[in-house]
Every structure is written in C-alpha cells, then in structure tokens.
C-alpha atoms as a PDB file:
ATOM      1  CA  MET A   1       0.000   0.000   0.000  1.00  0.00           C
ATOM      2  CA  ILE A   2       1.294   3.445  -0.931  1.00  0.00           C
ATOM      3  CA  GLU A   3       1.419   6.032   1.861  1.00  0.00           C
ATOM      4  CA  LYS A   4      -0.517   9.147   0.780  1.00  0.00           C
ATOM      5  CA  ARG A   5       0.095  11.271   3.865  1.00  0.00           C
ATOM      6  CA  LYS A   6       2.323  14.330   3.609  1.00  0.00           C
ATOM      7  CA  PHE A   7       3.205  14.299   7.320  1.00  0.00           C
ATOM      8  CA  VAL A   8       4.188  11.591   9.803  1.00  0.00           C
ATOM      9  CA  ARG A   9       1.431  10.672  12.269  1.00  0.00           C
ATOM     10  CA  ILE A  10       2.237  10.488  15.965  1.00  0.00           C
ATOM     11  CA  THR A  11       0.251   8.964  18.793  1.00  0.00           C
ATOM     12  CA  ALA A  12      -0.768  11.722  21.178  1.00  0.00           C
ATOM     13  CA  SER A  13      -3.647  11.908  23.625  1.00  0.00           C
ATOM     14  CA  ILE A  14      -4.729  15.520  23.424  1.00  0.00           C
ATOM     15  CA  LEU A  15      -8.162  16.999  24.081  1.00  0.00           C
ATOM     16  CA  ILE A  16     -10.091  18.334  21.105  1.00  0.00           C
ATOM     17  CA  LYS A  17     -13.289  20.372  21.134  1.00  0.00           C
ATOM     18  CA  TRP A  18     -15.062  20.505  17.793  1.00  0.00           C
ATOM     19  CA  LYS A  19     -18.210  21.677  16.055  1.00  0.00           C
ATOM     20  CA  LYS A  20     -19.687  21.605  12.583  1.00  0.00           C
ATOM     21  CA  THR A  21     -19.495  24.897  10.730  1.00  0.00           C
ATOM     22  CA  GLU A  22     -22.104  24.099   8.059  1.00  0.00           C
ATOM     23  CA  GLY A  23     -25.724  23.010   8.001  1.00  0.00           C
ATOM     24  CA  ILE A  24     -27.024  23.052  11.567  1.00  0.00           C
ATOM     25  CA  PRO A  25     -23.811  23.667  13.495  1.00  0.00           C
ATOM     26  CA  ASN A  26     -23.464  23.354  17.241  1.00  0.00           C
ATOM     27  CA  LYS A  27     -23.632  26.810  18.792  1.00  0.00           C
ATOM     28  CA  THR A  28     -20.574  26.145  20.949  1.00  0.00           C
ATOM     29  CA  LEU A  29     -17.552  23.888  20.823  1.00  0.00           C
ATOM     30  CA  ASN A  30     -19.062  21.314  23.143  1.00  0.00           C
ATOM     31  CA  SER A  31     -18.179  17.986  21.561  1.00  0.00           C
ATOM     32  CA  LEU A  32     -15.057  16.768  23.356  1.00  0.00           C
ATOM     33  CA  ASN A  33     -12.830  13.961  22.116  1.00  0.00           C
ATOM     34  CA  ILE A  34      -9.302  12.667  22.646  1.00  0.00           C
ATOM     35  CA  ALA A  35      -7.217  12.460  19.487  1.00  0.00           C
ATOM     36  CA  LYS A  36      -6.095   9.040  18.299  1.00  0.00           C
ATOM     37  CA  ASN A  37      -3.150  10.458  16.349  1.00  0.00           C
ATOM     38  CA  VAL A  38      -1.975  13.802  14.995  1.00  0.00           C
ATOM     39  CA  SER A  39       0.383  15.247  12.425  1.00  0.00           C
ATOM     40  CA  ARG A  40       1.338  18.727  11.293  1.00  0.00           C
ATOM     41  CA  GLY A  41      -1.370  18.485   8.616  1.00  0.00           C
ATOM     42  CA  GLY A  42      -4.266  16.730  10.326  1.00  0.00           C
ATOM     43  CA  ILE A  43      -5.733  14.622  13.075  1.00  0.00           C
ATOM     44  CA  CYS A  44      -7.680  11.408  13.618  1.00  0.00           C
ATOM     45  CA  LEU A  45     -10.523  11.650  16.125  1.00  0.00           C
ATOM     46  CA  PRO A  46     -12.553   8.725  17.411  1.00  0.00           C
ATOM     47  CA  MET A  47     -16.209   9.795  17.566  1.00  0.00           C
ATOM     48  CA  ASP A  48     -19.478   8.210  18.596  1.00  0.00           C
ATOM     49  CA  GLN A  49     -21.485  10.111  16.001  1.00  0.00           C
ATOM     50  CA  LYS A  50     -21.278   9.819  12.244  1.00  0.00           C
ATOM     51  CA  ILE A  51     -20.079  12.819  10.280  1.00  0.00           C
ATOM     52  CA  ARG A  52     -19.849  13.251   6.504  1.00  0.00           C
ATOM     53  CA  VAL A  53     -16.673  13.301   4.427  1.00  0.00           C
ATOM     54  CA  GLY A  54     -16.210  16.867   3.188  1.00  0.00           C
ATOM     55  CA  GLU A  55     -17.829  18.422   6.270  1.00  0.00           C
ATOM     56  CA  ASN A  56     -16.051  21.517   7.647  1.00  0.00           C
ATOM     57  CA  LEU A  57     -15.261  21.680  11.369  1.00  0.00           C
ATOM     58  CA  ALA A  58     -13.958  24.229  13.841  1.00  0.00           C
ATOM     59  CA  LEU A  59     -11.458  22.661  16.259  1.00  0.00           C
ATOM     60  CA  GLU A  60      -9.874  23.744  19.512  1.00  0.00           C
ATOM     61  CA  ILE A  61      -6.897  21.608  20.450  1.00  0.00           C
ATOM     62  CA  ARG A  62      -5.620  21.785  24.007  1.00  0.00           C
ATOM     63  CA  LEU A  63      -1.898  21.112  24.072  1.00  0.00           C
ATOM     64  CA  PRO A  64      -0.215  19.596  27.154  1.00  0.00           C
ATOM     65  CA  THR A  65       1.114  23.111  27.849  1.00  0.00           C
ATOM     66  CA  ARG A  66      -2.572  24.088  28.301  1.00  0.00           C
ATOM     67  CA  GLN A  67      -2.364  26.344  25.257  1.00  0.00           C
ATOM     68  CA  ILE A  68      -5.450  26.289  23.000  1.00  0.00           C
ATOM     69  CA  ILE A  69      -4.887  26.034  19.240  1.00  0.00           C
ATOM     70  CA  LYS A  70      -7.793  27.054  16.970  1.00  0.00           C
ATOM     71  CA  ILE A  71      -8.055  25.310  13.609  1.00  0.00           C
ATOM     72  CA  LYS A  72     -10.500  25.039  10.736  1.00  0.00           C
ATOM     73  CA  GLY A  73     -10.484  21.619   9.124  1.00  0.00           C
ATOM     74  CA  LYS A  74     -12.251  19.337   6.680  1.00  0.00           C
ATOM     75  CA  VAL A  75     -13.260  15.688   7.149  1.00  0.00           C
ATOM     76  CA  THR A  76     -11.283  13.549   4.686  1.00  0.00           C
ATOM     77  CA  TYR A  77     -12.324  10.035   5.781  1.00  0.00           C
ATOM     78  CA  VAL A  78     -14.682   8.217   8.134  1.00  0.00           C
ATOM     79  CA  ASN A  79     -14.008   4.588   9.158  1.00  0.00           C
ATOM     80  CA  ASP A  80     -16.737   2.933  11.185  1.00  0.00           C
ATOM     81  CA  PHE A  81     -16.256   0.185  13.760  1.00  0.00           C
ATOM     82  CA  THR A  82     -18.339  -1.460  16.453  1.00  0.00           C
ATOM     83  CA  GLU A  83     -17.473  -1.753  20.146  1.00  0.00           C
ATOM     84  CA  ILE A  84     -19.133  -3.808  22.838  1.00  0.00           C
ATOM     85  CA  VAL A  85     -19.650  -1.668  25.949  1.00  0.00           C
ATOM     86  CA  ASP A  86     -21.637  -3.002  28.919  1.00  0.00           C
ATOM     87  CA  LEU A  87     -22.837  -5.890  26.725  1.00  0.00           C
ATOM     88  CA  LYS A  88     -24.269  -3.438  24.174  1.00  0.00           C
ATOM     89  CA  ARG A  89     -23.068  -2.855  20.634  1.00  0.00           C
ATOM     90  CA  ARG A  90     -22.001   0.712  19.940  1.00  0.00           C
ATOM     91  CA  ASN A  91     -21.107   2.224  16.585  1.00  0.00           C
ATOM     92  CA  ASN A  92     -18.019   4.420  16.577  1.00  0.00           C
ATOM     93  CA  TYR A  93     -16.074   6.224  13.892  1.00  0.00           C
ATOM     94  CA  ASP A  94     -12.450   7.173  13.278  1.00  0.00           C
ATOM     95  CA  VAL A  95     -12.654  10.565  11.583  1.00  0.00           C
ATOM     96  CA  GLY A  96      -9.696  11.992   9.662  1.00  0.00           C
ATOM     97  CA  ILE A  97      -9.555  15.786   9.573  1.00  0.00           C
ATOM     98  CA  GLU A  98      -7.214  17.786   7.359  1.00  0.00           C
ATOM     99  CA  PHE A  99      -6.142  21.151   8.741  1.00  0.00           C
ATOM    100  CA  LEU A 100      -7.133  24.005   6.430  1.00  0.00           C
ATOM    101  CA  GLU A 101      -6.644  27.210   8.438  1.00  0.00           C
ATOM    102  CA  MET A 102      -4.870  28.298  11.594  1.00  0.00           C
ATOM    103  CA  SER A 103      -3.035  31.428  12.635  1.00  0.00           C
ATOM    104  CA  LYS A 104       0.716  31.599  12.134  1.00  0.00           C
ATOM    105  CA  GLU A 105       1.266  31.621  15.915  1.00  0.00           C
ATOM    106  CA  ASP A 106      -0.984  28.586  16.428  1.00  0.00           C
ATOM    107  CA  ARG A 107       0.729  26.723  13.564  1.00  0.00           C
ATOM    108  CA  ASN A 108       4.153  27.418  15.102  1.00  0.00           C
ATOM    109  CA  GLU A 109       3.029  26.188  18.544  1.00  0.00           C
ATOM    110  CA  PHE A 110       1.354  23.096  17.122  1.00  0.00           C
ATOM    111  CA  ASN A 111       4.377  22.212  14.959  1.00  0.00           C
ATOM    112  CA  LYS A 112       6.634  22.685  17.994  1.00  0.00           C
ATOM    113  CA  PHE A 113       4.416  20.267  19.961  1.00  0.00           C
ATOM    114  CA  VAL A 114       4.539  17.639  17.170  1.00  0.00           C
ATOM    115  CA  PHE A 115       8.324  18.059  16.841  1.00  0.00           C
ATOM    116  CA  ASN A 116       8.876  17.649  20.602  1.00  0.00           C
ATOM    117  CA  VAL A 117       6.733  14.496  20.771  1.00  0.00           C
ATOM    118  CA  THR A 118       8.573  13.037  17.759  1.00  0.00           C
ATOM    119  CA  LYS A 119      11.986  13.975  19.199  1.00  0.00           C
ATOM    120  CA  ASN A 120      11.221  12.288  22.547  1.00  0.00           C
ATOM    121  CA  LYS A 121      10.266   8.926  21.064  1.00  0.00           C
END
C-alpha cells in the first residue's frame, strides 16, 4: 500500500473540542474527544457520532502546555467500527480531519508540539 500522507502521524492523547461549521452547526464547541493520532497536517478523532466526508469543522486543540490552538479543518475520511460496551453494541467512527486554516502563531506552537513528541520517542 502506498502512503498518501504528507506528514508523519504520531500517537498523542490531546483533548479536542469541535463543532460543525455548516448546516445546523453546534452553537458552541461542546463535543469533546481525545485524538487518536496527529500530524502537522491533520488529526484522527474517534467519535461516537457519524459525520460526513467533506464536512467543515472548527477545532480547539488543548496542548499539554494548556495552550489552545484554533483550527478550521475538513473531514477527509470516516471509518466505522463497532465496540461492545456493557454488553451493548455501539457504533463508533475514526474521523480523519485535514487542517485548512490556523493562525501563524498557532501553527508554530502546534508544529513545535509535534516536533517535541517526535523527538522524545
């Protein structure tokens, strides 16, 4: 299989708040998830609700330094899987999000975070 990613993915448990920016968006960033992996160009979020490929999202990523990074992104893939929790089947989704917009300062801080995690492995 040919790797299509531009950036190396790293495993990092960081908190992400997100909301849809189209259709009937959430009024606030109230959906909270922990990232499965991140790179300088995107992120994979496990979610318990289905979201469409191509959907635009507003993200707030909380770095371990407690700094908040604001990003606009677009859903590039959705992989569904089923979990058994308390003897009940639950549908879940791994959602890939490509970063589209972030301020220069936020990009620098986020890239520094990714570099430091990569360097310490």
